[in-house]
Amino acid sequence: MADSYNFVKSSKLKLKGEKSSHKKHKKKKRKRDREADSAGPSVDELRQDQELHGGWWSVENFDQIKNNIAIELGNSSYVMAMDTGLFTLGAPHADGEGPDPTEQLTAIVVSETKIALKSGYGKYLGVNSDGVVIGRAEAIGPREQWEPVFQEGKMALLAGNSCFVSCNDSGDIVATTKTAGDGEMIKIRTNVEKVKKQKVDVPDEEKGSLKEAEVNYVKKFQSYQDRRLRINPEDRSKLKKAKEKGTLHESLLDRREKMKADRYCK
């Protein structure tokens, strides 16, 4: 790989006009800015953005880039494939409209950091020696691999020639600059349904600390005549591992069995 590519890899986005400074007050300001950026948009803002783009939502990390995608350059304008094998920037869409079929691409993951892109014409996108993005390849080679680069809530797309994707004055989609400025900022949108994390149902007895969980189960299952709780005095360190493995209930049962006062024990 070229040295410039290694620099981009190590520093992520190299922004145009970015200057380094060692002044304390500037460092504090940058820290505050990073903390503000890390908060990100709210759930309502993300939902509204998705509705404005016809159900197509903006990806936030590499793992979300798969299957049907569109590359947004500017406000509601998408990279559009032409039957010549070249690409241009489509007209802006009205609120509530998603990308047209010619503006939709298929993303294929080829490594932990890179993807390949296939147009609706069945050809892979690449970049030629002049830095022009073309879609004429039948197979995936080095020039048909693209690296999405994320930094501080922004995103750019690095081509196989180590340059970032943008749109030139003629309306052509190109990759000709080594640095990422406003003109190289993109959004990758997809209409693939988001994978929701399934909520794990935790029994009421197991909510709270491990000590509280054990007491709750003893109260629920223990049979006793003198109204005194009989708690196993052994160390609870093994219970923490059992909880992580999802075997807390069984471990608590074993501890109660040793007390010989549980109507549900063996």
Protein backbone atom coordinates (compact mmCIF):
# COMPACT_ATOMS: atom_id res chain seq x y z
CA MET A 1 0.00 0.00 0.00
CA ALA A 2 1.11 3.57 -0.60
CA ASP A 3 2.49 5.62 2.30
CA SER A 4 -0.40 8.04 1.97
CA TYR A 5 -2.84 5.20 2.48
CA ASN A 6 -1.04 4.15 5.63
CA PHE A 7 -1.37 7.69 6.90
CA VAL A 8 -5.07 7.71 6.20
CA LYS A 9 -5.44 4.36 7.93
CA SER A 10 -3.73 5.50 11.09
CA SER A 11 -5.45 8.86 11.39
CA LYS A 12 -8.79 7.95 9.84
CA LEU A 13 -10.13 11.06 8.13
CA LYS A 14 -7.50 13.65 7.28
CA LEU A 15 -9.65 16.74 7.12
CA LYS A 16 -8.81 19.68 4.86
CA GLY A 17 -7.65 22.75 6.75
CA GLU A 18 -7.10 20.80 9.95
CA LYS A 19 -4.30 22.29 12.06
CA SER A 20 -2.59 20.88 15.13
CA SER A 21 -2.26 22.91 18.32
CA HIS A 22 -0.80 22.32 21.75
CA LYS A 23 -2.56 25.13 23.57
CA LYS A 24 -4.44 23.93 26.61
CA HIS A 25 -7.60 25.90 25.97
CA LYS A 26 -7.87 24.48 22.46
CA LYS A 27 -7.41 20.96 23.80
CA LYS A 28 -10.21 21.53 26.29
CA LYS A 29 -12.46 22.88 23.53
CA ARG A 30 -11.75 19.86 21.34
CA LYS A 31 -12.53 17.58 24.29
CA ARG A 32 -15.87 19.31 24.82
CA ASP A 33 -16.62 19.06 21.10
CA ARG A 34 -15.83 15.33 21.10
CA GLU A 35 -18.06 14.78 24.10
CA ALA A 36 -20.88 16.64 22.36
CA ASP A 37 -20.39 14.64 19.15
CA SER A 38 -20.28 11.34 21.04
CA ALA A 39 -23.83 11.90 22.24
CA GLY A 40 -25.04 11.53 18.65
CA PRO A 41 -28.55 12.13 17.35
CA SER A 42 -31.54 11.12 19.43
CA VAL A 43 -33.84 8.22 18.59
CA ASP A 44 -36.51 10.66 17.42
CA GLU A 45 -34.01 12.45 15.16
CA LEU A 46 -32.88 9.16 13.64
CA ARG A 47 -36.49 8.11 13.05
CA GLN A 48 -37.33 11.44 11.44
CA ASP A 49 -34.24 11.25 9.21
CA GLN A 50 -35.27 7.76 8.09
CA GLU A 51 -38.80 8.94 7.26
CA LEU A 52 -37.47 11.90 5.25
CA HIS A 53 -35.47 9.48 3.12
CA GLY A 54 -38.23 7.02 2.37
CA GLY A 55 -37.31 4.50 5.05
CA TRP A 56 -33.60 4.49 4.21
CA TRP A 57 -31.49 5.02 7.34
CA SER A 58 -27.91 6.18 7.62
CA VAL A 59 -25.41 3.54 8.75
CA GLU A 60 -23.22 4.33 11.75
CA ASN A 61 -20.61 1.57 11.57
CA PHE A 62 -19.06 -0.93 9.19
CA ASP A 63 -21.15 -3.90 10.33
CA GLN A 64 -24.32 -2.17 9.14
CA ILE A 65 -23.10 -1.94 5.54
CA LYS A 66 -24.54 -4.94 3.72
CA ASN A 67 -26.93 -5.85 0.91
CA ASN A 68 -29.00 -2.97 -0.46
CA ILE A 69 -27.40 0.47 0.00
CA ALA A 70 -27.26 3.95 -1.56
CA ILE A 71 -24.49 6.54 -1.33
CA GLU A 72 -25.78 10.00 -0.47
CA LEU A 73 -23.61 12.93 -1.58
CA GLY A 74 -25.17 16.20 -0.51
CA ASN A 75 -28.74 16.62 0.64
CA SER A 76 -30.95 13.73 -0.59
CA SER A 77 -28.85 13.30 -3.75
CA TYR A 78 -27.43 9.87 -4.49
CA VAL A 79 -24.70 8.38 -6.66
CA MET A 80 -26.48 7.15 -9.80
CA ALA A 81 -25.33 4.48 -12.24
CA MET A 82 -25.58 5.12 -15.99
CA ASP A 83 -25.72 2.51 -18.74
CA THR A 84 -22.31 3.72 -19.97
CA GLY A 85 -20.66 2.32 -16.86
CA LEU A 86 -20.05 5.79 -15.44
CA PHE A 87 -21.64 7.39 -12.40
CA THR A 88 -23.13 10.79 -11.76
CA LEU A 89 -24.99 12.57 -8.98
CA GLY A 90 -28.72 12.16 -9.22
CA ALA A 91 -31.23 14.97 -8.74
CA PRO A 92 -32.25 15.80 -5.14
CA HIS A 93 -35.24 13.84 -3.87
CA ALA A 94 -38.28 15.30 -2.16
CA ASP A 95 -38.96 14.56 1.49
CA GLY A 96 -40.18 11.02 2.00
CA GLU A 97 -38.57 9.67 -1.19
CA GLY A 98 -35.89 7.01 -1.19
CA PRO A 99 -33.23 6.46 -3.87
CA ASP A 100 -34.27 5.36 -7.36
CA PRO A 101 -33.36 1.85 -8.60
CA THR A 102 -30.39 3.26 -10.57
CA GLU A 103 -29.15 4.83 -7.34
CA GLN A 104 -29.20 1.59 -5.41
CA LEU A 105 -26.13 -0.61 -5.01
CA THR A 106 -25.37 -3.98 -3.48
CA ALA A 107 -22.64 -4.04 -0.83
CA ILE A 108 -20.51 -7.17 -0.43
CA VAL A 109 -18.15 -7.47 2.53
CA VAL A 110 -14.68 -8.56 1.37
CA SER A 111 -12.67 -8.02 4.56
CA GLU A 112 -12.94 -6.56 8.05
CA THR A 113 -12.63 -3.02 6.68
CA LYS A 114 -13.48 -3.18 2.98
CA ILE A 115 -16.50 -3.77 0.78
CA ALA A 116 -17.22 -4.25 -2.89
CA LEU A 117 -20.12 -2.48 -4.61
CA LYS A 118 -22.24 -3.82 -7.45
CA SER A 119 -24.55 -1.65 -9.54
CA GLY A 120 -27.99 -2.56 -10.79
CA TYR A 121 -26.34 -3.40 -14.11
CA GLY A 122 -24.54 -6.30 -12.42
CA LYS A 123 -21.05 -4.77 -12.60
CA TYR A 124 -18.63 -4.01 -9.80
CA LEU A 125 -17.66 -0.43 -9.08
CA GLY A 126 -14.00 0.49 -9.36
CA VAL A 127 -11.78 3.46 -10.14
CA ASN A 128 -9.71 3.93 -13.30
CA SER A 129 -6.26 5.44 -13.72
CA ASP A 130 -7.77 8.93 -14.01
CA GLY A 131 -9.60 8.60 -10.72
CA VAL A 132 -13.02 8.26 -12.34
CA VAL A 133 -15.44 5.86 -10.67
CA ILE A 134 -16.64 3.25 -13.16
CA GLY A 135 -18.84 0.16 -12.97
CA ARG A 136 -17.67 -2.26 -15.64
CA ALA A 137 -15.81 -5.03 -13.79
CA GLU A 138 -17.02 -8.61 -13.81
CA ALA A 139 -14.99 -9.56 -10.72
CA ILE A 140 -13.55 -7.98 -7.58
CA GLY A 141 -9.95 -6.82 -7.78
CA PRO A 142 -7.90 -4.33 -5.73
CA ARG A 143 -9.50 -1.37 -7.55
CA GLU A 144 -12.98 -2.70 -6.85
CA GLN A 145 -12.52 -2.54 -3.07
CA TRP A 146 -13.77 0.38 -1.00
CA GLU A 147 -13.11 1.37 2.59
CA PRO A 148 -15.73 3.33 4.55
CA VAL A 149 -13.93 5.63 7.00
CA PHE A 150 -15.78 6.85 10.10
CA GLN A 151 -14.70 9.71 12.32
CA GLU A 152 -16.58 11.88 14.80
CA GLY A 153 -19.99 11.24 13.29
CA LYS A 154 -18.78 11.83 9.74
CA MET A 155 -18.03 9.40 6.94
CA ALA A 156 -15.99 9.26 3.74
CA LEU A 157 -15.35 6.49 1.22
CA LEU A 158 -11.80 5.58 0.30
CA ALA A 159 -11.27 4.11 -3.17
CA GLY A 160 -8.69 1.57 -4.30
CA ASN A 161 -6.38 4.40 -5.43
CA SER A 162 -6.18 5.76 -1.85
CA CYS A 163 -8.34 8.78 -2.70
CA PHE A 164 -11.74 9.79 -1.37
CA VAL A 165 -14.96 9.74 -3.39
CA SER A 166 -16.59 13.04 -4.39
CA CYS A 167 -18.47 14.67 -7.27
CA ASN A 168 -16.55 17.01 -9.61
CA ASP A 169 -17.84 20.16 -11.32
CA SER A 170 -18.97 18.12 -14.34
CA GLY A 171 -21.19 15.92 -12.21
CA ASP A 172 -18.94 12.87 -12.49
CA ILE A 173 -18.27 10.67 -9.46
CA VAL A 174 -14.52 10.60 -8.94
CA ALA A 175 -11.85 9.68 -6.38
CA THR A 176 -9.02 12.18 -6.84
CA THR A 177 -8.19 13.74 -3.47
CA LYS A 178 -6.07 12.35 -0.67
CA THR A 179 -7.80 14.42 2.00
CA ALA A 180 -11.44 14.44 3.07
CA GLY A 181 -13.18 17.82 3.12
CA ASP A 182 -16.84 18.75 3.05
CA GLY A 183 -17.09 17.65 -0.58
CA GLU A 184 -15.95 14.14 0.33
CA MET A 185 -18.40 13.64 3.19
CA ILE A 186 -21.02 11.01 2.36
CA LYS A 187 -23.74 8.95 3.97
CA ILE A 188 -24.35 5.33 3.19
CA ARG A 189 -28.03 4.55 3.54
CA THR A 190 -29.77 1.21 3.61
CA ASN A 191 -33.33 -0.06 3.82
CA VAL A 192 -32.28 -3.33 5.44
CA GLU A 193 -34.21 -3.86 8.65
CA LYS A 194 -32.17 -3.06 11.71
CA VAL A 195 -31.29 -6.03 13.88
CA LYS A 196 -32.73 -5.37 17.31
CA LYS A 197 -31.07 -6.82 20.36
CA GLN A 198 -33.43 -9.22 22.03
CA LYS A 199 -34.20 -8.36 25.61
CA VAL A 200 -33.26 -11.05 28.07
CA ASP A 201 -36.08 -11.77 30.49
CA VAL A 202 -34.63 -11.71 33.99
CA PRO A 203 -36.79 -13.29 36.72
CA ASP A 204 -37.85 -10.88 39.43
CA GLU A 205 -35.98 -13.00 41.96
CA GLU A 206 -32.67 -12.45 40.14
CA LYS A 207 -32.92 -8.67 39.95
CA GLY A 208 -30.56 -6.83 42.25
CA SER A 209 -27.33 -8.10 43.81
CA LEU A 210 -26.37 -11.77 44.04
CA LYS A 211 -27.03 -11.69 47.78
CA GLU A 212 -30.51 -10.28 47.20
CA ALA A 213 -31.18 -12.89 44.50
CA GLU A 214 -30.25 -15.72 46.85
CA VAL A 215 -32.43 -14.32 49.62
CA ASN A 216 -35.34 -13.94 47.19
CA TYR A 217 -35.11 -17.59 46.13
CA VAL A 218 -34.79 -18.76 49.72
CA LYS A 219 -37.93 -16.84 50.64
CA LYS A 220 -39.73 -18.34 47.68
CA PHE A 221 -38.76 -22.00 48.02
CA GLN A 222 -37.45 -22.71 51.49
CA SER A 223 -39.58 -24.59 53.97
CA TYR A 224 -38.90 -23.63 57.55
CA GLN A 225 -40.67 -23.94 60.86
CA ASP A 226 -39.02 -21.28 63.00
CA ARG A 227 -39.48 -18.47 60.45
CA ARG A 228 -35.71 -18.07 60.12
CA LEU A 229 -34.04 -17.84 56.72
CA ARG A 230 -31.30 -20.37 56.20
CA ILE A 231 -28.75 -18.87 53.80
CA ASN A 232 -25.77 -20.88 52.63
CA PRO A 233 -22.72 -19.24 54.30
CA GLU A 234 -20.28 -20.29 51.57
CA ASP A 235 -18.58 -17.68 49.40
CA ARG A 236 -20.70 -16.30 46.51
CA SER A 237 -17.82 -15.80 44.08
CA LYS A 238 -18.94 -18.75 41.97
CA LEU A 239 -22.39 -17.20 41.59
CA LYS A 240 -20.98 -14.32 39.55
CA LYS A 241 -19.57 -16.71 36.95
CA ALA A 242 -22.80 -18.68 36.98
CA LYS A 243 -24.78 -15.50 36.27
CA GLU A 244 -22.55 -14.70 33.29
CA LYS A 245 -23.07 -18.22 31.93
CA GLY A 246 -26.83 -18.11 32.50
CA THR A 247 -26.77 -20.85 35.14
CA LEU A 248 -27.48 -18.73 38.21
CA HIS A 249 -30.75 -20.49 39.02
CA GLU A 250 -29.09 -23.91 39.03
CA SER A 251 -26.19 -22.69 41.17
CA LEU A 252 -28.55 -21.19 43.72
CA LEU A 253 -30.48 -24.45 43.80
CA ASP A 254 -27.25 -26.35 44.56
CA ARG A 255 -26.48 -23.94 47.40
CA ARG A 256 -29.95 -24.36 48.87
CA GLU A 257 -29.76 -28.13 48.54
CA LYS A 258 -26.84 -28.13 50.93
CA MET A 259 -29.08 -26.50 53.54
CA LYS A 260 -31.54 -29.43 53.28
CA ALA A 261 -34.56 -27.21 53.76
CA ASP A 262 -35.84 -26.60 50.23
CA ARG A 263 -39.03 -28.30 49.11
CA TYR A 264 -37.83 -28.12 45.48
CA CYS A 265 -34.38 -29.55 46.11
CA LYS A 266 -33.48 -33.17 45.47
